[in-house]
Amino acid sequence: MPAIDLNSDLGESFGAWSMGDDEAILDVVSSANVACGFHAGDPAGILRTLEAAAARGVA
């Protein structure tokens, strides 16, 4: 059966400014591009997204 990789950019929130619902998207995607903190994201939000992705087996 053919398969696709459903991907999304995540971890882009910064402090009090929330950008989307990463937890909900992680239930749908098979892989994620997580912000690195240069133009988006902060350390706490990036870590939260990485932990949530790992818990769901998202690449």
PDB file of N, CA and C in Angstrom:
ATOM      1  N   MET A   1       0.838  -1.166   0.000  1.00  0.00           N
ATOM      2  CA  MET A   1       0.000   0.000   0.000  1.00  0.00           C
ATOM      3  C   MET A   1       0.895   1.245   0.000  1.00  0.00           C
ATOM      4  N   PRO A   2       0.610   2.224  -0.844  1.00  0.00           N
ATOM      5  CA  PRO A   2       1.387   3.465  -0.852  1.00  0.00           C
ATOM      6  C   PRO A   2       1.251   4.196   0.490  1.00  0.00           C
ATOM      7  N   ALA A   3       2.303   4.895   0.860  1.00  0.00           N
ATOM      8  CA  ALA A   3       2.281   5.665   2.109  1.00  0.00           C
ATOM      9  C   ALA A   3       2.846   7.052   1.853  1.00  0.00           C
ATOM     10  N   ILE A   4       2.428   8.000   2.666  1.00  0.00           N
ATOM     11  CA  ILE A   4       2.976   9.352   2.589  1.00  0.00           C
ATOM     12  C   ILE A   4       3.487   9.751   3.967  1.00  0.00           C
ATOM     13  N   ASP A   5       4.395  10.712   3.980  1.00  0.00           N
ATOM     14  CA  ASP A   5       4.890  11.292   5.222  1.00  0.00           C
ATOM     15  C   ASP A   5       4.153  12.606   5.414  1.00  0.00           C
ATOM     16  N   LEU A   6       3.315  12.689   6.423  1.00  0.00           N
ATOM     17  CA  LEU A   6       2.610  13.929   6.735  1.00  0.00           C
ATOM     18  C   LEU A   6       3.460  14.692   7.743  1.00  0.00           C
ATOM     19  N   ASN A   7       3.905  15.896   7.361  1.00  0.00           N
ATOM     20  CA  ASN A   7       4.900  16.654   8.104  1.00  0.00           C
ATOM     21  C   ASN A   7       4.357  18.027   8.475  1.00  0.00           C
ATOM     22  N   SER A   8       4.846  18.588   9.588  1.00  0.00           N
ATOM     23  CA  SER A   8       4.440  19.927  10.002  1.00  0.00           C
ATOM     24  C   SER A   8       5.591  20.632  10.714  1.00  0.00           C
ATOM     25  N   ASP A   9       5.615  21.958  10.618  1.00  0.00           N
ATOM     26  CA  ASP A   9       6.563  22.780  11.373  1.00  0.00           C
ATOM     27  C   ASP A   9       5.968  23.024  12.761  1.00  0.00           C
ATOM     28  N   LEU A  10       6.725  22.734  13.802  1.00  0.00           N
ATOM     29  CA  LEU A  10       6.220  22.842  15.175  1.00  0.00           C
ATOM     30  C   LEU A  10       7.250  23.497  16.088  1.00  0.00           C
ATOM     31  N   GLY A  11       6.839  23.763  17.323  1.00  0.00           N
ATOM     32  CA  GLY A  11       7.747  24.325  18.327  1.00  0.00           C
ATOM     33  C   GLY A  11       8.066  25.784  18.104  1.00  0.00           C
ATOM     34  N   GLU A  12       7.167  26.511  17.439  1.00  0.00           N
ATOM     35  CA  GLU A  12       7.452  27.901  17.088  1.00  0.00           C
ATOM     36  C   GLU A  12       6.902  28.918  18.079  1.00  0.00           C
ATOM     37  N   SER A  13       6.282  28.462  19.162  1.00  0.00           N
ATOM     38  CA  SER A  13       5.781  29.386  20.181  1.00  0.00           C
ATOM     39  C   SER A  13       6.958  30.056  20.885  1.00  0.00           C
ATOM     40  N   PHE A  14       6.705  31.234  21.429  1.00  0.00           N
ATOM     41  CA  PHE A  14       7.762  31.953  22.143  1.00  0.00           C
ATOM     42  C   PHE A  14       7.171  32.565  23.401  1.00  0.00           C
ATOM     43  N   GLY A  15       7.543  32.014  24.551  1.00  0.00           N
ATOM     44  CA  GLY A  15       7.037  32.538  25.821  1.00  0.00           C
ATOM     45  C   GLY A  15       5.524  32.480  25.877  1.00  0.00           C
ATOM     46  N   ALA A  16       4.905  33.633  26.116  1.00  0.00           N
ATOM     47  CA  ALA A  16       3.445  33.704  26.236  1.00  0.00           C
ATOM     48  C   ALA A  16       2.736  33.656  24.887  1.00  0.00           C
ATOM     49  N   TRP A  17       3.480  33.763  23.784  1.00  0.00           N
ATOM     50  CA  TRP A  17       2.875  33.789  22.455  1.00  0.00           C
ATOM     51  C   TRP A  17       2.811  32.382  21.881  1.00  0.00           C
ATOM     52  N   SER A  18       1.620  31.814  21.926  1.00  0.00           N
ATOM     53  CA  SER A  18       1.410  30.453  21.443  1.00  0.00           C
ATOM     54  C   SER A  18       1.143  30.456  19.941  1.00  0.00           C
ATOM     55  N   MET A  19       1.797  29.547  19.235  1.00  0.00           N
ATOM     56  CA  MET A  19       1.621  29.413  17.786  1.00  0.00           C
ATOM     57  C   MET A  19       1.066  28.024  17.492  1.00  0.00           C
ATOM     58  N   GLY A  20      -0.231  27.890  17.378  1.00  0.00           N
ATOM     59  CA  GLY A  20      -0.840  26.613  17.036  1.00  0.00           C
ATOM     60  C   GLY A  20      -0.939  25.665  18.217  1.00  0.00           C
ATOM     61  N   ASP A  21      -1.413  24.458  17.928  1.00  0.00           N
ATOM     62  CA  ASP A  21      -1.609  23.422  18.943  1.00  0.00           C
ATOM     63  C   ASP A  21      -0.727  22.233  18.585  1.00  0.00           C
ATOM     64  N   ASP A  22       0.540  22.300  18.977  1.00  0.00           N
ATOM     65  CA  ASP A  22       1.507  21.255  18.628  1.00  0.00           C
ATOM     66  C   ASP A  22       1.050  19.873  19.081  1.00  0.00           C
ATOM     67  N   GLU A  23       0.498  19.776  20.282  1.00  0.00           N
ATOM     68  CA  GLU A  23       0.071  18.477  20.813  1.00  0.00           C
ATOM     69  C   GLU A  23      -0.977  17.838  19.903  1.00  0.00           C
ATOM     70  N   ALA A  24      -1.933  18.612  19.426  1.00  0.00           N
ATOM     71  CA  ALA A  24      -2.980  18.064  18.554  1.00  0.00           C
ATOM     72  C   ALA A  24      -2.408  17.647  17.204  1.00  0.00           C
ATOM     73  N   ILE A  25      -1.524  18.451  16.653  1.00  0.00           N
ATOM     74  CA  ILE A  25      -0.926  18.134  15.353  1.00  0.00           C
ATOM     75  C   ILE A  25      -0.075  16.871  15.444  1.00  0.00           C
ATOM     76  N   LEU A  26       0.604  16.669  16.575  1.00  0.00           N
ATOM     77  CA  LEU A  26       1.457  15.488  16.734  1.00  0.00           C
ATOM     78  C   LEU A  26       0.660  14.185  16.718  1.00  0.00           C
ATOM     79  N   ASP A  27      -0.639  14.263  16.973  1.00  0.00           N
ATOM     80  CA  ASP A  27      -1.487  13.073  16.892  1.00  0.00           C
ATOM     81  C   ASP A  27      -1.799  12.701  15.448  1.00  0.00           C
ATOM     82  N   VAL A  28      -1.476  13.586  14.493  1.00  0.00           N
ATOM     83  CA  VAL A  28      -1.836  13.380  13.091  1.00  0.00           C
ATOM     84  C   VAL A  28      -0.621  13.149  12.194  1.00  0.00           C
ATOM     85  N   VAL A  29       0.484  13.830  12.453  1.00  0.00           N
ATOM     86  CA  VAL A  29       1.648  13.781  11.563  1.00  0.00           C
ATOM     87  C   VAL A  29       2.528  12.562  11.820  1.00  0.00           C
ATOM     88  N   SER A  30       3.356  12.233  10.820  1.00  0.00           N
ATOM     89  CA  SER A  30       4.322  11.143  10.982  1.00  0.00           C
ATOM     90  C   SER A  30       5.735  11.687  11.204  1.00  0.00           C
ATOM     91  N   SER A  31       5.967  12.955  10.852  1.00  0.00           N
ATOM     92  CA  SER A  31       7.255  13.593  11.123  1.00  0.00           C
ATOM     93  C   SER A  31       7.031  15.083  11.358  1.00  0.00           C
ATOM     94  N   ALA A  32       8.002  15.709  12.021  1.00  0.00           N
ATOM     95  CA  ALA A  32       7.875  17.125  12.353  1.00  0.00           C
ATOM     96  C   ALA A  32       9.210  17.832  12.197  1.00  0.00           C
ATOM     97  N   ASN A  33       9.142  19.083  11.758  1.00  0.00           N
ATOM     98  CA  ASN A  33      10.295  19.980  11.748  1.00  0.00           C
ATOM     99  C   ASN A  33      10.141  20.854  12.991  1.00  0.00           C
ATOM    100  N   VAL A  34      11.067  20.744  13.924  1.00  0.00           N
ATOM    101  CA  VAL A  34      10.963  21.493  15.173  1.00  0.00           C
ATOM    102  C   VAL A  34      11.881  22.704  15.109  1.00  0.00           C
ATOM    103  N   ALA A  35      11.332  23.867  15.498  1.00  0.00           N
ATOM    104  CA  ALA A  35      12.101  25.116  15.496  1.00  0.00           C
ATOM    105  C   ALA A  35      13.405  24.939  16.270  1.00  0.00           C
ATOM    106  N   CYS A  36      14.427  25.706  15.875  1.00  0.00           N
ATOM    107  CA  CYS A  36      15.724  25.608  16.557  1.00  0.00           C
ATOM    108  C   CYS A  36      16.016  26.840  17.402  1.00  0.00           C
ATOM    109  N   GLY A  37      15.075  27.793  17.470  1.00  0.00           N
ATOM    110  CA  GLY A  37      15.245  28.948  18.333  1.00  0.00           C
ATOM    111  C   GLY A  37      15.883  30.153  17.685  1.00  0.00           C
ATOM    112  N   PHE A  38      16.248  30.076  16.403  1.00  0.00           N
ATOM    113  CA  PHE A  38      16.881  31.225  15.753  1.00  0.00           C
ATOM    114  C   PHE A  38      15.846  32.290  15.397  1.00  0.00           C
ATOM    115  N   HIS A  39      14.818  31.918  14.633  1.00  0.00           N
ATOM    116  CA  HIS A  39      13.784  32.887  14.272  1.00  0.00           C
ATOM    117  C   HIS A  39      12.442  32.554  14.905  1.00  0.00           C
ATOM    118  N   ALA A  40      12.332  31.395  15.543  1.00  0.00           N
ATOM    119  CA  ALA A  40      11.082  30.999  16.197  1.00  0.00           C
ATOM    120  C   ALA A  40      11.391  30.007  17.306  1.00  0.00           C
ATOM    121  N   GLY A  41      10.530  29.979  18.295  1.00  0.00           N
ATOM    122  CA  GLY A  41      10.663  29.018  19.383  1.00  0.00           C
ATOM    123  C   GLY A  41      11.539  29.517  20.514  1.00  0.00           C
ATOM    124  N   ASP A  42      11.291  28.981  21.693  1.00  0.00           N
ATOM    125  CA  ASP A  42      12.146  29.247  22.849  1.00  0.00           C
ATOM    126  C   ASP A  42      12.525  27.895  23.460  1.00  0.00           C
ATOM    127  N   PRO A  43      13.555  27.851  24.292  1.00  0.00           N
ATOM    128  CA  PRO A  43      14.033  26.560  24.801  1.00  0.00           C
ATOM    129  C   PRO A  43      12.952  25.699  25.459  1.00  0.00           C
ATOM    130  N   ALA A  44      12.091  26.299  26.262  1.00  0.00           N
ATOM    131  CA  ALA A  44      11.057  25.522  26.959  1.00  0.00           C
ATOM    132  C   ALA A  44      10.043  24.943  25.976  1.00  0.00           C
ATOM    133  N   GLY A  45       9.605  25.750  25.022  1.00  0.00           N
ATOM    134  CA  GLY A  45       8.631  25.285  24.039  1.00  0.00           C
ATOM    135  C   GLY A  45       9.206  24.232  23.110  1.00  0.00           C
ATOM    136  N   ILE A  46      10.453  24.404  22.726  1.00  0.00           N
ATOM    137  CA  ILE A  46      11.116  23.431  21.854  1.00  0.00           C
ATOM    138  C   ILE A  46      11.240  22.094  22.585  1.00  0.00           C
ATOM    139  N   LEU A  47      11.672  22.128  23.836  1.00  0.00           N
ATOM    140  CA  LEU A  47      11.805  20.896  24.616  1.00  0.00           C
ATOM    141  C   LEU A  47      10.456  20.207  24.787  1.00  0.00           C
ATOM    142  N   ARG A  48       9.428  20.981  25.072  1.00  0.00           N
ATOM    143  CA  ARG A  48       8.075  20.427  25.229  1.00  0.00           C
ATOM    144  C   ARG A  48       7.636  19.720  23.949  1.00  0.00           C
ATOM    145  N   THR A  49       7.894  20.335  22.810  1.00  0.00           N
ATOM    146  CA  THR A  49       7.521  19.747  21.524  1.00  0.00           C
ATOM    147  C   THR A  49       8.332  18.490  21.245  1.00  0.00           C
ATOM    148  N   LEU A  50       9.631  18.526  21.519  1.00  0.00           N
ATOM    149  CA  LEU A  50      10.475  17.346  21.303  1.00  0.00           C
ATOM    150  C   LEU A  50      10.026  16.166  22.160  1.00  0.00           C
ATOM    151  N   GLU A  51       9.720  16.431  23.421  1.00  0.00           N
ATOM    152  CA  GLU A  51       9.271  15.358  24.311  1.00  0.00           C
ATOM    153  C   GLU A  51       7.935  14.781  23.854  1.00  0.00           C
ATOM    154  N   ALA A  52       7.019  15.645  23.431  1.00  0.00           N
ATOM    155  CA  ALA A  52       5.710  15.178  22.970  1.00  0.00           C
ATOM    156  C   ALA A  52       5.847  14.373  21.683  1.00  0.00           C
ATOM    157  N   ALA A  53       6.724  14.808  20.787  1.00  0.00           N
ATOM    158  CA  ALA A  53       6.945  14.073  19.536  1.00  0.00           C
ATOM    159  C   ALA A  53       7.544  12.697  19.824  1.00  0.00           C
ATOM    160  N   ALA A  54       8.521  12.638  20.699  1.00  0.00           N
ATOM    161  CA  ALA A  54       9.154  11.360  21.041  1.00  0.00           C
ATOM    162  C   ALA A  54       8.153  10.403  21.680  1.00  0.00           C
ATOM    163  N   ALA A  55       7.294  10.927  22.539  1.00  0.00           N
ATOM    164  CA  ALA A  55       6.300  10.088  23.213  1.00  0.00           C
ATOM    165  C   ALA A  55       5.315   9.471  22.228  1.00  0.00           C
ATOM    166  N   ARG A  56       5.088  10.151  21.092  1.00  0.00           N
ATOM    167  CA  ARG A  56       4.143   9.661  20.088  1.00  0.00           C
ATOM    168  C   ARG A  56       4.833   8.908  18.948  1.00  0.00           C
ATOM    169  N   GLY A  57       6.150   8.837  18.987  1.00  0.00           N
ATOM    170  CA  GLY A  57       6.877   8.153  17.923  1.00  0.00           C
ATOM    171  C   GLY A  57       6.952   8.942  16.632  1.00  0.00           C
ATOM    172  N   VAL A  58       6.798  10.271  16.727  1.00  0.00           N
ATOM    173  CA  VAL A  58       6.878  11.134  15.548  1.00  0.00           C
ATOM    174  C   VAL A  58       8.344  11.403  15.247  1.00  0.00           C
ATOM    175  N   ALA A  59       8.739  11.191  13.999  1.00  0.00           N
ATOM    176  CA  ALA A  59      10.133  11.396  13.583  1.00  0.00           C
ATOM    177  C   ALA A  59      10.446  12.866  13.455  1.00  0.00           C
TER     178      ALA A  59
END
